[in-house]
């Protein structure tokens, strides 16, 4: 009786382990294809329209009048006339021409660097 029970258990275990293996392979493929897409950095130039340091937000208006809301992180590089600046100091540069490097993301465009041009 013990031999028959063991044989039945093995008959159930072999197909289940094969199914688990197939499921693992499928999950692996799905994980690889659904990873977050990263976009290439882009350049943007225009006028610094607004700075909101508390919200970590900068708005750049292009020459054709389109506003771009950009999120800012602590890693951003901001330069004006060869000197580094912090986000709160950028408020005094509103309405000046700027060049921005940004990375488009699903949650919003992320500014990487801002260069004050004028």
C-alpha atoms as a PDB file:
ATOM      1  CA  UNK A   1       0.000   0.000   0.000  1.00  0.00           C
ATOM      2  CA  UNK A   2       2.846   2.392   0.819  1.00  0.00           C
ATOM      3  CA  UNK A   3       4.425   1.735  -2.588  1.00  0.00           C
ATOM      4  CA  UNK A   4       1.165   2.529  -4.366  1.00  0.00           C
ATOM      5  CA  UNK A   5       0.737   5.780  -2.411  1.00  0.00           C
ATOM      6  CA  UNK A   6       4.304   6.844  -3.237  1.00  0.00           C
ATOM      7  CA  UNK A   7       3.796   6.020  -6.914  1.00  0.00           C
ATOM      8  CA  UNK A   8       0.597   8.113  -7.029  1.00  0.00           C
ATOM      9  CA  UNK A   9       2.351  11.016  -5.334  1.00  0.00           C
ATOM     10  CA  UNK A  10       5.163  10.900  -7.905  1.00  0.00           C
ATOM     11  CA  UNK A  11       2.682  10.831 -10.770  1.00  0.00           C
ATOM     12  CA  UNK A  12       1.193  14.094  -9.460  1.00  0.00           C
ATOM     13  CA  UNK A  13       4.530  15.731  -8.587  1.00  0.00           C
ATOM     14  CA  UNK A  14       6.218  15.361 -11.980  1.00  0.00           C
ATOM     15  CA  UNK A  15       3.585  17.309 -14.021  1.00  0.00           C
ATOM     16  CA  UNK A  16       3.308  19.963 -11.296  1.00  0.00           C
ATOM     17  CA  UNK A  17       7.047  20.614 -11.270  1.00  0.00           C
ATOM     18  CA  UNK A  18       7.064  20.879 -15.062  1.00  0.00           C
ATOM     19  CA  UNK A  19       4.206  23.408 -14.900  1.00  0.00           C
ATOM     20  CA  UNK A  20       6.065  25.437 -12.273  1.00  0.00           C
ATOM     21  CA  UNK A  21       9.129  25.488 -14.522  1.00  0.00           C
ATOM     22  CA  UNK A  22       7.083  26.697 -17.508  1.00  0.00           C
ATOM     23  CA  UNK A  23       5.408  29.365 -15.374  1.00  0.00           C
ATOM     24  CA  UNK A  24       8.789  30.570 -14.117  1.00  0.00           C
ATOM     25  CA  UNK A  25      10.073  30.898 -17.704  1.00  0.00           C
ATOM     26  CA  UNK A  26       6.964  32.818 -18.745  1.00  0.00           C
ATOM     27  CA  UNK A  27       7.248  35.169 -15.757  1.00  0.00           C
ATOM     28  CA  UNK A  28      10.894  35.757 -16.601  1.00  0.00           C
ATOM     29  CA  UNK A  29       9.998  36.770 -20.172  1.00  0.00           C
ATOM     30  CA  UNK A  30       7.186  39.043 -19.003  1.00  0.00           C
ATOM     31  CA  UNK A  31       9.467  40.741 -16.483  1.00  0.00           C
ATOM     32  CA  UNK A  32      12.103  41.397 -19.139  1.00  0.00           C
ATOM     33  CA  UNK A  33       9.649  42.883 -21.620  1.00  0.00           C
ATOM     34  CA  UNK A  34       7.736  45.058 -19.157  1.00  0.00           C
ATOM     35  CA  UNK A  35      10.705  46.856 -17.629  1.00  0.00           C
ATOM     36  CA  UNK A  36      10.364  50.627 -17.563  1.00  0.00           C
ATOM     37  CA  UNK A  37      11.423  52.243 -20.803  1.00  0.00           C
ATOM     38  CA  UNK A  38      13.921  55.039 -20.437  1.00  0.00           C
ATOM     39  CA  UNK A  39      13.921  57.917 -22.838  1.00  0.00           C
ATOM     40  CA  UNK A  40      16.943  59.731 -24.142  1.00  0.00           C
ATOM     41  CA  UNK A  41      17.865  63.097 -22.631  1.00  0.00           C
ATOM     42  CA  UNK A  42      16.594  66.074 -24.606  1.00  0.00           C
ATOM     43  CA  UNK A  43      17.578  69.721 -24.892  1.00  0.00           C
ATOM     44  CA  UNK A  44      15.163  72.604 -24.494  1.00  0.00           C
ATOM     45  CA  UNK A  45      15.743  76.333 -24.706  1.00  0.00           C
ATOM     46  CA  UNK A  46      13.513  79.264 -23.989  1.00  0.00           C
ATOM     47  CA  UNK A  47      12.634  81.695 -21.229  1.00  0.00           C
ATOM     48  CA  UNK A  48      12.540  80.845 -17.530  1.00  0.00           C
ATOM     49  CA  UNK A  49       8.861  81.549 -16.852  1.00  0.00           C
ATOM     50  CA  UNK A  50       8.427  80.352 -13.265  1.00  0.00           C
ATOM     51  CA  UNK A  51      10.340  78.794 -10.373  1.00  0.00           C
ATOM     52  CA  UNK A  52       8.609  77.080  -7.421  1.00  0.00           C
ATOM     53  CA  UNK A  53      11.365  75.787  -5.086  1.00  0.00           C
ATOM     54  CA  UNK A  54       8.879  74.367  -2.552  1.00  0.00           C
ATOM     55  CA  UNK A  55       7.235  72.254  -5.254  1.00  0.00           C
ATOM     56  CA  UNK A  56      10.574  71.496  -6.963  1.00  0.00           C
ATOM     57  CA  UNK A  57       9.132  72.846 -10.199  1.00  0.00           C
ATOM     58  CA  UNK A  58      10.519  74.989 -13.013  1.00  0.00           C
ATOM     59  CA  UNK A  59       8.516  76.212 -16.021  1.00  0.00           C
ATOM     60  CA  UNK A  60      10.311  76.982 -19.276  1.00  0.00           C
ATOM     61  CA  UNK A  61       8.483  78.793 -22.073  1.00  0.00           C
ATOM     62  CA  UNK A  62       9.754  78.047 -25.572  1.00  0.00           C
ATOM     63  CA  UNK A  63      10.026  80.809 -28.208  1.00  0.00           C
ATOM     64  CA  UNK A  64       6.719  79.660 -29.726  1.00  0.00           C
ATOM     65  CA  UNK A  65       4.977  80.133 -26.352  1.00  0.00           C
ATOM     66  CA  UNK A  66       4.669  76.499 -25.202  1.00  0.00           C
ATOM     67  CA  UNK A  67       5.241  76.103 -21.437  1.00  0.00           C
ATOM     68  CA  UNK A  68       7.124  73.040 -20.165  1.00  0.00           C
ATOM     69  CA  UNK A  69       6.741  72.070 -16.513  1.00  0.00           C
ATOM     70  CA  UNK A  70       9.929  70.382 -15.318  1.00  0.00           C
ATOM     71  CA  UNK A  71      10.459  68.543 -12.070  1.00  0.00           C
ATOM     72  CA  UNK A  72      13.728  69.212 -10.292  1.00  0.00           C
ATOM     73  CA  UNK A  73      15.740  66.947  -7.990  1.00  0.00           C
ATOM     74  CA  UNK A  74      18.584  67.665  -5.610  1.00  0.00           C
ATOM     75  CA  UNK A  75      21.046  66.391  -8.258  1.00  0.00           C
ATOM     76  CA  UNK A  76      20.302  69.172 -10.763  1.00  0.00           C
ATOM     77  CA  UNK A  77      23.147  71.356 -12.017  1.00  0.00           C
ATOM     78  CA  UNK A  78      22.236  75.031 -12.315  1.00  0.00           C
ATOM     79  CA  UNK A  79      24.766  77.520 -13.693  1.00  0.00           C
ATOM     80  CA  UNK A  80      24.678  81.219 -14.414  1.00  0.00           C
ATOM     81  CA  UNK A  81      27.651  83.228 -15.666  1.00  0.00           C
ATOM     82  CA  UNK A  82      30.061  80.438 -14.759  1.00  0.00           C
ATOM     83  CA  UNK A  83      28.902  79.988 -11.165  1.00  0.00           C
ATOM     84  CA  UNK A  84      26.778  77.261  -9.638  1.00  0.00           C
ATOM     85  CA  UNK A  85      23.377  78.060  -8.179  1.00  0.00           C
ATOM     86  CA  UNK A  86      20.717  76.310  -6.136  1.00  0.00           C
ATOM     87  CA  UNK A  87      17.030  76.147  -7.013  1.00  0.00           C
ATOM     88  CA  UNK A  88      15.891  78.874  -4.604  1.00  0.00           C
ATOM     89  CA  UNK A  89      18.438  81.294  -6.139  1.00  0.00           C
ATOM     90  CA  UNK A  90      16.988  80.609  -9.580  1.00  0.00           C
ATOM     91  CA  UNK A  91      13.906  82.708  -8.742  1.00  0.00           C
ATOM     92  CA  UNK A  92      15.922  85.885  -9.390  1.00  0.00           C
ATOM     93  CA  UNK A  93      16.641  84.679 -12.942  1.00  0.00           C
ATOM     94  CA  UNK A  94      12.971  84.592 -14.099  1.00  0.00           C
ATOM     95  CA  UNK A  95      12.423  85.895 -17.666  1.00  0.00           C
ATOM     96  CA  UNK A  96      16.008  85.179 -18.678  1.00  0.00           C
ATOM     97  CA  UNK A  97      16.959  82.870 -21.527  1.00  0.00           C
ATOM     98  CA  UNK A  98      17.897  79.337 -20.475  1.00  0.00           C
ATOM     99  CA  UNK A  99      19.057  76.040 -21.922  1.00  0.00           C
ATOM    100  CA  UNK A 100      17.839  72.901 -20.202  1.00  0.00           C
ATOM    101  CA  UNK A 101      18.812  69.235 -20.403  1.00  0.00           C
ATOM    102  CA  UNK A 102      15.874  67.045 -19.432  1.00  0.00           C
ATOM    103  CA  UNK A 103      14.786  63.426 -19.341  1.00  0.00           C
ATOM    104  CA  UNK A 104      11.178  62.680 -20.267  1.00  0.00           C
ATOM    105  CA  UNK A 105       9.509  60.326 -17.793  1.00  0.00           C
ATOM    106  CA  UNK A 106       5.984  58.968 -17.357  1.00  0.00           C
ATOM    107  CA  UNK A 107       5.477  60.990 -14.198  1.00  0.00           C
ATOM    108  CA  UNK A 108       6.719  64.200 -15.826  1.00  0.00           C
ATOM    109  CA  UNK A 109       9.827  65.690 -17.439  1.00  0.00           C
ATOM    110  CA  UNK A 110      12.841  65.746 -15.128  1.00  0.00           C
ATOM    111  CA  UNK A 111      15.349  68.601 -15.478  1.00  0.00           C
ATOM    112  CA  UNK A 112      18.980  67.471 -15.224  1.00  0.00           C
ATOM    113  CA  UNK A 113      20.715  70.810 -15.816  1.00  0.00           C
ATOM    114  CA  UNK A 114      19.806  74.440 -16.354  1.00  0.00           C
ATOM    115  CA  UNK A 115      22.154  76.972 -17.935  1.00  0.00           C
ATOM    116  CA  UNK A 116      21.231  80.674 -17.717  1.00  0.00           C
ATOM    117  CA  UNK A 117      22.153  82.307 -21.045  1.00  0.00           C
ATOM    118  CA  UNK A 118      21.149  85.907 -20.602  1.00  0.00           C
END
